[in-house]
Protein backbone atom coordinates (compact mmCIF):
# COMPACT_ATOMS: atom_id res chain seq x y z
CA UNK A 1 0.00 0.00 0.00
CA UNK A 2 1.43 3.38 -0.94
CA UNK A 3 1.11 6.42 1.25
CA UNK A 4 0.04 9.83 0.06
CA UNK A 5 3.02 12.21 0.13
CA UNK A 6 2.85 15.34 2.21
CA UNK A 7 2.56 18.54 0.19
CA UNK A 8 5.85 20.32 0.87
CA UNK A 9 8.74 22.00 -0.93
CA UNK A 10 10.44 18.70 -1.69
CA UNK A 11 7.38 17.24 -3.46
CA UNK A 12 6.76 20.50 -5.31
CA UNK A 13 10.44 20.77 -6.27
CA UNK A 14 10.58 17.22 -7.57
CA UNK A 15 7.57 17.86 -9.82
CA UNK A 16 9.07 21.16 -10.98
CA UNK A 17 12.49 19.74 -11.80
CA UNK A 18 11.11 16.66 -13.55
CA UNK A 19 8.81 18.81 -15.69
CA UNK A 20 11.56 21.36 -16.32
CA UNK A 21 13.91 18.59 -17.46
CA UNK A 22 11.37 17.56 -20.10
CA UNK A 23 10.97 21.16 -21.26
CA UNK A 24 14.74 21.70 -21.29
CA UNK A 25 15.13 18.58 -23.43
CA UNK A 26 12.58 19.93 -25.91
CA UNK A 27 14.15 23.42 -25.87
CA UNK A 28 17.63 22.02 -26.45
CA UNK A 29 16.49 20.38 -29.67
CA UNK A 30 15.44 23.88 -30.80
CA UNK A 31 18.78 25.38 -29.78
CA UNK A 32 17.52 27.44 -26.82
CA UNK A 33 18.06 27.44 -23.05
CA UNK A 34 15.29 27.20 -20.46
CA UNK A 35 15.78 30.85 -19.48
CA UNK A 36 15.40 31.87 -23.13
CA UNK A 37 12.13 29.94 -23.30
CA UNK A 38 10.64 32.19 -20.62
CA UNK A 39 11.69 35.33 -22.49
CA UNK A 40 10.41 34.02 -25.82
CA UNK A 41 7.07 33.23 -24.18
CA UNK A 42 6.91 36.69 -22.61
CA UNK A 43 7.50 38.27 -26.02
CA UNK A 44 5.06 36.02 -27.88
CA UNK A 45 2.17 38.50 -27.69
CA UNK A 46 4.08 41.58 -28.74
CA UNK A 47 6.88 43.95 -27.77
CA UNK A 48 7.69 44.34 -24.07
CA UNK A 49 9.62 47.08 -22.30
CA UNK A 50 13.08 45.77 -21.39
CA UNK A 51 12.69 46.92 -17.78
CA UNK A 52 9.34 45.15 -17.44
CA UNK A 53 10.75 42.01 -19.09
CA UNK A 54 13.80 42.05 -16.82
CA UNK A 55 11.61 42.41 -13.73
CA UNK A 56 9.33 39.60 -14.87
CA UNK A 57 12.19 37.16 -15.48
CA UNK A 58 14.15 38.07 -12.33
CA UNK A 59 11.03 37.58 -10.21
CA UNK A 60 10.08 34.32 -11.93
CA UNK A 61 13.52 32.67 -11.92
CA UNK A 62 14.88 34.41 -8.82
CA UNK A 63 18.01 35.47 -10.72
CA UNK A 64 19.77 38.82 -10.86
CA UNK A 65 19.39 41.42 -13.59
CA UNK A 66 22.83 40.64 -15.01
CA UNK A 67 21.70 37.10 -15.82
CA UNK A 68 18.56 38.40 -17.53
CA UNK A 69 20.62 40.86 -19.59
CA UNK A 70 22.82 37.94 -20.64
CA UNK A 71 19.77 35.93 -21.73
CA UNK A 72 18.34 38.90 -23.65
CA UNK A 73 21.68 39.44 -25.39
CA UNK A 74 21.87 35.79 -26.43
CA UNK A 75 18.41 35.99 -27.97
CA UNK A 76 19.33 39.14 -29.87
CA UNK A 77 22.63 37.59 -31.00
CA UNK A 78 20.73 34.51 -32.19
CA UNK A 79 18.36 36.80 -34.10
CA UNK A 80 15.35 35.47 -32.20
CA UNK A 81 14.63 38.88 -30.63
CA UNK A 82 15.37 42.46 -31.60
CA UNK A 83 14.88 46.00 -30.44
CA UNK A 84 11.44 47.23 -31.43
CA UNK A 85 11.90 49.79 -34.23
CA UNK A 86 8.99 51.81 -32.78
CA UNK A 87 10.54 52.09 -29.31
CA UNK A 88 14.19 51.44 -28.48
CA UNK A 89 13.26 50.53 -24.89
CA UNK A 90 11.22 47.54 -26.03
CA UNK A 91 12.22 44.11 -27.27
CA UNK A 92 10.21 42.00 -29.71
CA UNK A 93 10.45 38.64 -31.42
CA UNK A 94 11.81 38.31 -34.92
CA UNK A 95 10.10 35.99 -37.41
CA UNK A 96 12.61 33.30 -36.42
CA UNK A 97 11.80 33.98 -32.77
CA UNK A 98 8.08 33.53 -33.42
CA UNK A 99 8.81 30.22 -35.15
CA UNK A 100 10.94 28.91 -32.26
CA UNK A 101 8.42 30.13 -29.67
CA UNK A 102 5.57 28.39 -31.51
CA UNK A 103 7.54 25.14 -31.50
CA UNK A 104 8.22 25.55 -27.79
CA UNK A 105 4.51 26.18 -27.14
CA UNK A 106 3.66 23.04 -29.10
CA UNK A 107 6.20 20.97 -27.16
CA UNK A 108 4.96 22.40 -23.86
CA UNK A 109 1.35 21.59 -24.74
CA UNK A 110 2.35 18.01 -25.52
CA UNK A 111 4.27 17.63 -22.27
CA UNK A 112 1.36 19.09 -20.28
CA UNK A 113 -1.17 16.86 -22.03
CA UNK A 114 0.86 13.76 -21.18
CA UNK A 115 1.63 14.71 -17.58
CA UNK A 116 -1.80 16.03 -16.57
CA UNK A 117 -4.00 13.80 -18.76
CA UNK A 118 -5.81 11.74 -16.13
CA UNK A 119 -5.79 14.13 -13.18
CA UNK A 120 -9.40 14.97 -12.29
CA UNK A 121 -10.26 18.62 -12.91
CA UNK A 122 -11.23 19.31 -9.29
CA UNK A 123 -7.92 17.90 -8.04
CA UNK A 124 -5.93 19.87 -10.62
CA UNK A 125 -7.80 23.06 -9.66
CA UNK A 126 -7.17 22.46 -5.94
CA UNK A 127 -3.47 21.84 -6.60
CA UNK A 128 -3.26 25.02 -8.70
CA UNK A 129 -4.89 27.06 -5.93
CA UNK A 130 -2.58 25.61 -3.26
CA UNK A 131 0.58 26.11 -5.33
CA UNK A 132 -0.43 29.67 -6.25
CA UNK A 133 -0.89 30.46 -2.55
CA UNK A 134 2.48 28.91 -1.66
CA UNK A 135 4.14 30.96 -4.42
CA UNK A 136 2.49 34.17 -3.21
CA UNK A 137 3.58 33.53 0.37
CA UNK A 138 7.14 32.66 -0.61
CA UNK A 139 7.40 35.78 -2.81
CA UNK A 140 6.05 37.94 0.04
CA UNK A 141 8.60 36.47 2.43
CA UNK A 142 11.41 37.01 -0.09
CA UNK A 143 10.33 40.63 -0.54
CA UNK A 144 10.17 41.20 3.24
CA UNK A 145 13.62 39.84 4.05
CA UNK A 146 16.98 41.11 2.78
CA UNK A 147 18.96 38.83 0.50
């Protein structure tokens, strides 16, 4: 008889890292890093102010601004992103960037479909609510305490 695991950081982390490993594998075949995937997804719906993009990625990945600038530079160097000609403070996807991002979205949808396929909707919704609350609390604690 198996026991139900306790919901804690270890269980959440194991699910995160296992899922991330699948996404990283898919991203690698497209020639991009996990961090680049997040930026490509953020830019998928149109140009974004660099400062807003940097804040979004630093808060999501819990990395410093220097790392985000590195990731942005690699995307520009790879011609997947470029400065928006209408506003030099914004970044946008190139046609190649849109193509790569669409492939990433397709791969992500496939991974999600396989991993979440038979989880009842009410259980998935409860898990999403619990994990969102844990994330909010952890972010509040990070914001309240010095690094």
